[in-house]
């Protein structure tokens, strides 16, 4: 009989968070498809409409949460797939650092982009 192997620690929180983020992403993606493919068709969407949506606190917050959730879910999934494939030792540590830095860069750039669309200037020029 085949033995089950997973890089997730039995009873660990990362396994649970991977499932929670998956469920959240499904709901947000369904919202996205409904809003941007059924309510408004692609040829109707403009930059001004998108910026207007981002200026609403609820939509902005949802998009920031989506960014954080998708980043965690994707990076955690890639890391655990590599560990399941046999990544160990120094290579495992290098991958942890590379994925961690890539995650931070993605989050910083994503928040900067969201802020630009929402008209939020964190460092106003005096």
N, C-alpha and C. Protein backbone atom coordinates (compact mmCIF):
# COMPACT_ATOMS: atom_id res chain seq x y z
N UNK A 1 0.84 -1.18 0.00
CA UNK A 1 0.00 0.00 0.00
C UNK A 1 0.89 1.24 0.00
N UNK A 2 0.48 2.23 -0.77
CA UNK A 2 1.25 3.47 -0.87
C UNK A 2 1.17 4.25 0.43
N UNK A 3 2.30 4.79 0.80
CA UNK A 3 2.35 5.58 2.03
C UNK A 3 2.09 7.04 1.71
N UNK A 4 1.27 7.69 2.54
CA UNK A 4 0.95 9.10 2.34
C UNK A 4 2.09 9.93 2.89
N UNK A 5 2.53 10.92 2.09
CA UNK A 5 3.59 11.82 2.54
C UNK A 5 3.17 13.25 2.29
N UNK A 6 3.39 14.08 3.27
CA UNK A 6 3.12 15.50 3.13
C UNK A 6 4.15 16.27 3.91
N UNK A 7 4.56 17.41 3.37
CA UNK A 7 5.52 18.25 4.07
C UNK A 7 4.86 19.04 5.20
N UNK A 8 3.52 19.06 5.22
CA UNK A 8 2.82 19.74 6.30
C UNK A 8 2.95 18.92 7.57
N UNK A 9 3.25 19.58 8.68
CA UNK A 9 3.33 18.91 9.96
C UNK A 9 1.94 18.47 10.39
N UNK A 10 1.82 17.23 10.86
CA UNK A 10 0.53 16.73 11.30
C UNK A 10 -0.02 17.62 12.41
N UNK A 11 -1.24 18.10 12.22
CA UNK A 11 -1.85 18.99 13.20
C UNK A 11 -1.33 20.42 13.12
N UNK A 12 -0.52 20.71 12.10
CA UNK A 12 0.08 22.04 11.96
C UNK A 12 -0.91 23.06 11.42
N UNK A 13 -0.58 24.31 11.63
CA UNK A 13 -1.45 25.40 11.19
C UNK A 13 -1.31 25.72 9.72
N UNK A 14 -0.14 25.48 9.11
CA UNK A 14 0.05 25.82 7.70
C UNK A 14 -0.89 25.01 6.81
N UNK A 15 -1.12 23.76 7.16
CA UNK A 15 -2.06 22.93 6.39
C UNK A 15 -3.45 23.58 6.43
N UNK A 16 -3.87 23.97 7.63
CA UNK A 16 -5.19 24.60 7.78
C UNK A 16 -5.25 25.92 7.03
N UNK A 17 -4.22 26.76 7.13
CA UNK A 17 -4.22 28.05 6.45
C UNK A 17 -4.21 27.89 4.93
N UNK A 18 -3.58 26.83 4.44
CA UNK A 18 -3.60 26.58 3.00
C UNK A 18 -5.03 26.32 2.54
N UNK A 19 -5.81 25.60 3.34
CA UNK A 19 -7.20 25.31 2.99
C UNK A 19 -8.10 26.53 3.15
N UNK A 20 -7.87 27.31 4.21
CA UNK A 20 -8.67 28.52 4.44
C UNK A 20 -8.43 29.52 3.31
N UNK A 21 -7.16 29.72 2.94
CA UNK A 21 -6.88 30.67 1.87
C UNK A 21 -7.45 30.19 0.54
N UNK A 22 -7.45 28.88 0.31
CA UNK A 22 -8.04 28.35 -0.92
C UNK A 22 -9.53 28.69 -0.99
N UNK A 23 -10.23 28.48 0.11
CA UNK A 23 -11.67 28.79 0.14
C UNK A 23 -11.91 30.28 -0.07
N UNK A 24 -11.12 31.12 0.57
CA UNK A 24 -11.26 32.57 0.41
C UNK A 24 -11.00 32.97 -1.05
N UNK A 25 -9.96 32.41 -1.65
CA UNK A 25 -9.63 32.74 -3.04
C UNK A 25 -10.75 32.34 -4.00
N UNK A 26 -11.38 31.22 -3.74
CA UNK A 26 -12.50 30.79 -4.59
C UNK A 26 -13.63 31.80 -4.53
N UNK A 27 -13.95 32.27 -3.32
CA UNK A 27 -15.04 33.24 -3.15
C UNK A 27 -14.69 34.57 -3.83
N UNK A 28 -13.46 35.06 -3.62
CA UNK A 28 -13.06 36.34 -4.20
C UNK A 28 -12.99 36.25 -5.73
N UNK A 29 -12.50 35.14 -6.24
CA UNK A 29 -12.45 34.97 -7.69
C UNK A 29 -13.86 34.89 -8.27
N UNK A 30 -14.78 34.26 -7.57
CA UNK A 30 -16.17 34.22 -8.04
C UNK A 30 -16.74 35.64 -8.07
N UNK A 31 -16.46 36.44 -7.04
CA UNK A 31 -16.88 37.83 -7.00
C UNK A 31 -16.28 38.61 -8.18
N UNK A 32 -15.00 38.39 -8.43
CA UNK A 32 -14.32 39.06 -9.54
C UNK A 32 -14.99 38.72 -10.88
N UNK A 33 -15.19 37.44 -11.13
CA UNK A 33 -15.80 37.04 -12.39
C UNK A 33 -17.22 37.58 -12.53
N UNK A 34 -17.97 37.55 -11.44
CA UNK A 34 -19.33 38.08 -11.50
C UNK A 34 -19.32 39.57 -11.81
N UNK A 35 -18.51 40.32 -11.08
CA UNK A 35 -18.48 41.78 -11.23
C UNK A 35 -17.90 42.21 -12.59
N UNK A 36 -16.78 41.60 -12.97
CA UNK A 36 -16.07 42.09 -14.14
C UNK A 36 -16.36 41.32 -15.43
N UNK A 37 -17.20 40.31 -15.36
CA UNK A 37 -17.51 39.56 -16.58
C UNK A 37 -19.01 39.43 -16.83
N UNK A 38 -19.81 39.67 -15.80
CA UNK A 38 -21.25 39.58 -15.97
C UNK A 38 -21.94 40.92 -15.75
N UNK A 39 -21.55 41.65 -14.71
CA UNK A 39 -22.13 42.96 -14.45
C UNK A 39 -21.59 43.97 -15.46
N UNK A 40 -20.27 44.00 -15.62
CA UNK A 40 -19.61 44.86 -16.59
C UNK A 40 -18.86 43.96 -17.56
N UNK A 41 -19.06 44.16 -18.83
CA UNK A 41 -18.33 43.38 -19.82
C UNK A 41 -16.96 44.01 -20.06
N UNK A 42 -16.03 43.22 -20.55
CA UNK A 42 -14.65 43.66 -20.70
C UNK A 42 -14.52 44.96 -21.50
N UNK A 43 -15.35 45.12 -22.52
CA UNK A 43 -15.23 46.32 -23.34
C UNK A 43 -15.78 47.57 -22.64
N UNK A 44 -16.47 47.39 -21.52
CA UNK A 44 -17.02 48.53 -20.77
C UNK A 44 -16.08 49.00 -19.66
N UNK A 45 -15.13 48.18 -19.27
CA UNK A 45 -14.25 48.49 -18.15
C UNK A 45 -13.19 49.51 -18.60
N UNK A 46 -13.08 50.57 -17.83
CA UNK A 46 -12.09 51.60 -18.12
C UNK A 46 -11.16 51.78 -16.91
N UNK A 47 -10.07 52.46 -17.13
CA UNK A 47 -9.15 52.76 -16.03
C UNK A 47 -9.86 53.57 -14.95
N UNK A 48 -10.67 54.53 -15.37
CA UNK A 48 -11.38 55.39 -14.41
C UNK A 48 -12.35 54.56 -13.56
N UNK A 49 -13.04 53.59 -14.18
CA UNK A 49 -13.94 52.72 -13.40
C UNK A 49 -13.16 51.91 -12.38
N UNK A 50 -12.02 51.37 -12.80
CA UNK A 50 -11.19 50.57 -11.90
C UNK A 50 -10.67 51.43 -10.75
N UNK A 51 -10.20 52.63 -11.07
CA UNK A 51 -9.72 53.53 -10.02
C UNK A 51 -10.86 53.92 -9.08
N UNK A 52 -12.04 54.11 -9.62
CA UNK A 52 -13.21 54.43 -8.78
C UNK A 52 -13.53 53.31 -7.81
N UNK A 53 -13.45 52.08 -8.27
CA UNK A 53 -13.69 50.94 -7.37
C UNK A 53 -12.63 50.89 -6.28
N UNK A 54 -11.37 51.15 -6.65
CA UNK A 54 -10.29 51.08 -5.67
C UNK A 54 -10.38 52.20 -4.64
N UNK A 55 -11.10 53.27 -4.94
CA UNK A 55 -11.25 54.36 -3.98
C UNK A 55 -12.31 54.05 -2.92
N UNK A 56 -13.04 52.98 -3.11
CA UNK A 56 -14.00 52.54 -2.09
C UNK A 56 -13.24 51.69 -1.08
N UNK A 57 -13.34 52.04 0.20
CA UNK A 57 -12.58 51.37 1.24
C UNK A 57 -12.85 49.86 1.25
N UNK A 58 -14.09 49.44 1.06
CA UNK A 58 -14.41 48.01 1.10
C UNK A 58 -13.73 47.25 -0.04
N UNK A 59 -13.76 47.80 -1.24
CA UNK A 59 -13.14 47.14 -2.39
C UNK A 59 -11.61 47.15 -2.24
N UNK A 60 -11.05 48.28 -1.83
CA UNK A 60 -9.61 48.39 -1.62
C UNK A 60 -9.15 47.36 -0.59
N UNK A 61 -9.85 47.27 0.52
CA UNK A 61 -9.49 46.31 1.58
C UNK A 61 -9.57 44.87 1.07
N UNK A 62 -10.61 44.58 0.30
CA UNK A 62 -10.76 43.24 -0.26
C UNK A 62 -9.59 42.91 -1.19
N UNK A 63 -9.16 43.87 -1.99
CA UNK A 63 -8.06 43.62 -2.92
C UNK A 63 -6.73 43.44 -2.19
N UNK A 64 -6.52 44.20 -1.12
CA UNK A 64 -5.30 44.03 -0.32
C UNK A 64 -5.32 42.65 0.35
N UNK A 65 -6.46 42.26 0.90
CA UNK A 65 -6.59 40.94 1.51
C UNK A 65 -6.40 39.85 0.47
N UNK A 66 -6.92 40.07 -0.73
CA UNK A 66 -6.74 39.12 -1.82
C UNK A 66 -5.25 38.99 -2.16
N UNK A 67 -4.53 40.11 -2.23
CA UNK A 67 -3.11 40.09 -2.51
C UNK A 67 -2.34 39.28 -1.47
N UNK A 68 -2.59 39.55 -0.20
CA UNK A 68 -1.89 38.84 0.88
C UNK A 68 -2.24 37.35 0.85
N UNK A 69 -3.51 37.05 0.70
CA UNK A 69 -3.96 35.67 0.71
C UNK A 69 -3.40 34.89 -0.48
N UNK A 70 -3.47 35.47 -1.67
CA UNK A 70 -2.96 34.80 -2.86
C UNK A 70 -1.45 34.60 -2.78
N UNK A 71 -0.74 35.58 -2.25
CA UNK A 71 0.71 35.45 -2.10
C UNK A 71 1.04 34.32 -1.14
N UNK A 72 0.40 34.29 0.02
CA UNK A 72 0.66 33.22 0.98
C UNK A 72 0.32 31.86 0.37
N UNK A 73 -0.86 31.76 -0.21
CA UNK A 73 -1.33 30.48 -0.75
C UNK A 73 -0.38 29.98 -1.85
N UNK A 74 0.00 30.85 -2.75
CA UNK A 74 0.88 30.45 -3.84
C UNK A 74 2.27 30.07 -3.37
N UNK A 75 2.88 30.91 -2.55
CA UNK A 75 4.24 30.65 -2.09
C UNK A 75 4.28 29.42 -1.19
N UNK A 76 3.32 29.30 -0.30
CA UNK A 76 3.26 28.13 0.58
C UNK A 76 3.06 26.85 -0.24
N UNK A 77 2.23 26.93 -1.26
CA UNK A 77 2.00 25.77 -2.11
C UNK A 77 3.24 25.37 -2.89
N UNK A 78 3.94 26.34 -3.46
CA UNK A 78 5.17 26.05 -4.21
C UNK A 78 6.22 25.47 -3.28
N UNK A 79 6.40 26.08 -2.11
CA UNK A 79 7.40 25.60 -1.15
C UNK A 79 7.11 24.16 -0.74
N UNK A 80 5.87 23.88 -0.40
CA UNK A 80 5.54 22.52 0.05
C UNK A 80 5.61 21.51 -1.09
N UNK A 81 5.32 21.92 -2.31
CA UNK A 81 5.50 21.02 -3.45
C UNK A 81 6.97 20.67 -3.62
N UNK A 82 7.85 21.65 -3.46
CA UNK A 82 9.29 21.39 -3.57
C UNK A 82 9.77 20.49 -2.44
N UNK A 83 9.29 20.72 -1.24
CA UNK A 83 9.66 19.86 -0.11
C UNK A 83 9.15 18.44 -0.34
N UNK A 84 7.93 18.31 -0.83
CA UNK A 84 7.38 16.99 -1.13
C UNK A 84 8.17 16.28 -2.22
N UNK A 85 8.80 17.05 -3.11
CA UNK A 85 9.60 16.47 -4.19
C UNK A 85 10.98 16.07 -3.71
N UNK A 86 11.30 16.38 -2.46
CA UNK A 86 12.57 15.93 -1.89
C UNK A 86 13.58 17.01 -1.60
N UNK A 87 13.20 18.26 -1.64
CA UNK A 87 14.12 19.36 -1.35
C UNK A 87 14.52 19.32 0.12
N UNK A 88 15.82 19.30 0.38
CA UNK A 88 16.31 19.23 1.77
C UNK A 88 17.57 20.08 1.93
N UNK A 89 18.00 20.21 3.15
CA UNK A 89 19.29 20.82 3.47
C UNK A 89 19.42 22.27 3.08
N UNK A 90 20.61 22.60 2.57
CA UNK A 90 20.93 23.98 2.22
C UNK A 90 20.04 24.49 1.09
N UNK A 91 19.71 23.62 0.12
CA UNK A 91 18.85 24.04 -0.98
C UNK A 91 17.47 24.43 -0.45
N UNK A 92 16.99 23.71 0.54
CA UNK A 92 15.69 24.04 1.14
C UNK A 92 15.73 25.41 1.79
N UNK A 93 16.80 25.71 2.49
CA UNK A 93 16.94 27.01 3.15
C UNK A 93 17.05 28.14 2.12
N UNK A 94 17.78 27.91 1.04
CA UNK A 94 17.90 28.91 -0.01
C UNK A 94 16.53 29.19 -0.62
N UNK A 95 15.76 28.14 -0.88
CA UNK A 95 14.42 28.31 -1.44
C UNK A 95 13.53 29.08 -0.47
N UNK A 96 13.64 28.80 0.82
CA UNK A 96 12.86 29.54 1.82
C UNK A 96 13.17 31.03 1.74
N UNK A 97 14.45 31.37 1.67
CA UNK A 97 14.86 32.78 1.63
C UNK A 97 14.40 33.42 0.32
N UNK A 98 14.61 32.75 -0.80
CA UNK A 98 14.23 33.31 -2.10
C UNK A 98 12.72 33.54 -2.16
N UNK A 99 11.95 32.54 -1.73
CA UNK A 99 10.49 32.70 -1.74
C UNK A 99 10.03 33.77 -0.76
N UNK A 100 10.71 33.88 0.38
CA UNK A 100 10.37 34.92 1.35
C UNK A 100 10.61 36.31 0.80
N UNK A 101 11.78 36.50 0.17
CA UNK A 101 12.10 37.81 -0.42
C UNK A 101 11.14 38.11 -1.57
N UNK A 102 10.88 37.12 -2.41
CA UNK A 102 9.96 37.32 -3.54
C UNK A 102 8.56 37.69 -3.02
N UNK A 103 8.13 37.07 -1.94
CA UNK A 103 6.82 37.39 -1.35
C UNK A 103 6.78 38.83 -0.87
N UNK A 104 7.83 39.26 -0.18
CA UNK A 104 7.86 40.63 0.32
C UNK A 104 7.85 41.64 -0.83
N UNK A 105 8.64 41.36 -1.86
CA UNK A 105 8.66 42.26 -3.02
C UNK A 105 7.29 42.32 -3.70
N UNK A 106 6.65 41.17 -3.84
CA UNK A 106 5.32 41.13 -4.45
C UNK A 106 4.31 41.90 -3.61
N UNK A 107 4.35 41.74 -2.30
CA UNK A 107 3.42 42.45 -1.43
C UNK A 107 3.65 43.96 -1.46
N UNK A 108 4.91 44.37 -1.41
CA UNK A 108 5.22 45.81 -1.44
C UNK A 108 4.75 46.42 -2.76
N UNK A 109 5.08 45.77 -3.88
CA UNK A 109 4.68 46.31 -5.18
C UNK A 109 3.16 46.27 -5.34
N UNK A 110 2.51 45.22 -4.84
CA UNK A 110 1.06 45.12 -4.92
C UNK A 110 0.36 46.23 -4.15
N UNK A 111 0.85 46.52 -2.95
CA UNK A 111 0.27 47.59 -2.14
C UNK A 111 0.54 48.95 -2.79
N UNK A 112 1.74 49.14 -3.34
CA UNK A 112 2.05 50.39 -4.04
C UNK A 112 1.09 50.60 -5.22
N UNK A 113 0.84 49.54 -5.97
CA UNK A 113 -0.06 49.63 -7.11
C UNK A 113 -1.49 49.92 -6.66
N UNK A 114 -1.94 49.21 -5.63
CA UNK A 114 -3.29 49.44 -5.11
C UNK A 114 -3.43 50.87 -4.60
N UNK A 115 -2.41 51.37 -3.91
CA UNK A 115 -2.45 52.74 -3.41
C UNK A 115 -2.50 53.75 -4.55
N UNK A 116 -1.75 53.49 -5.62
CA UNK A 116 -1.77 54.40 -6.77
C UNK A 116 -3.16 54.43 -7.40
N UNK A 117 -3.78 53.27 -7.54
CA UNK A 117 -5.13 53.20 -8.14
C UNK A 117 -6.15 53.87 -7.24
N UNK A 118 -5.94 53.77 -5.93
CA UNK A 118 -6.90 54.33 -4.98
C UNK A 118 -6.64 55.81 -4.71
N UNK A 119 -5.54 56.34 -5.22
CA UNK A 119 -5.21 57.74 -4.99
C UNK A 119 -4.65 57.99 -3.60
N UNK A 120 -4.07 56.97 -3.00
CA UNK A 120 -3.48 57.09 -1.65
C UNK A 120 -2.00 57.41 -1.80
N UNK A 121 -1.57 58.51 -1.20
CA UNK A 121 -0.17 58.89 -1.24
C UNK A 121 0.37 58.85 0.18
N UNK A 122 1.19 57.84 0.46
CA UNK A 122 1.73 57.70 1.82
C UNK A 122 2.86 58.66 2.13
N UNK A 123 3.54 59.14 1.08
CA UNK A 123 4.66 60.07 1.27
C UNK A 123 4.41 61.33 0.44
N UNK A 124 3.50 62.17 0.87
CA UNK A 124 3.21 63.37 0.09
C UNK A 124 4.43 64.30 0.08
N UNK A 125 4.63 64.93 -1.05
CA UNK A 125 5.75 65.88 -1.19
C UNK A 125 5.30 67.21 -0.57
N UNK A 126 6.09 67.72 0.33
CA UNK A 126 5.75 68.96 1.02
C UNK A 126 6.11 70.17 0.23
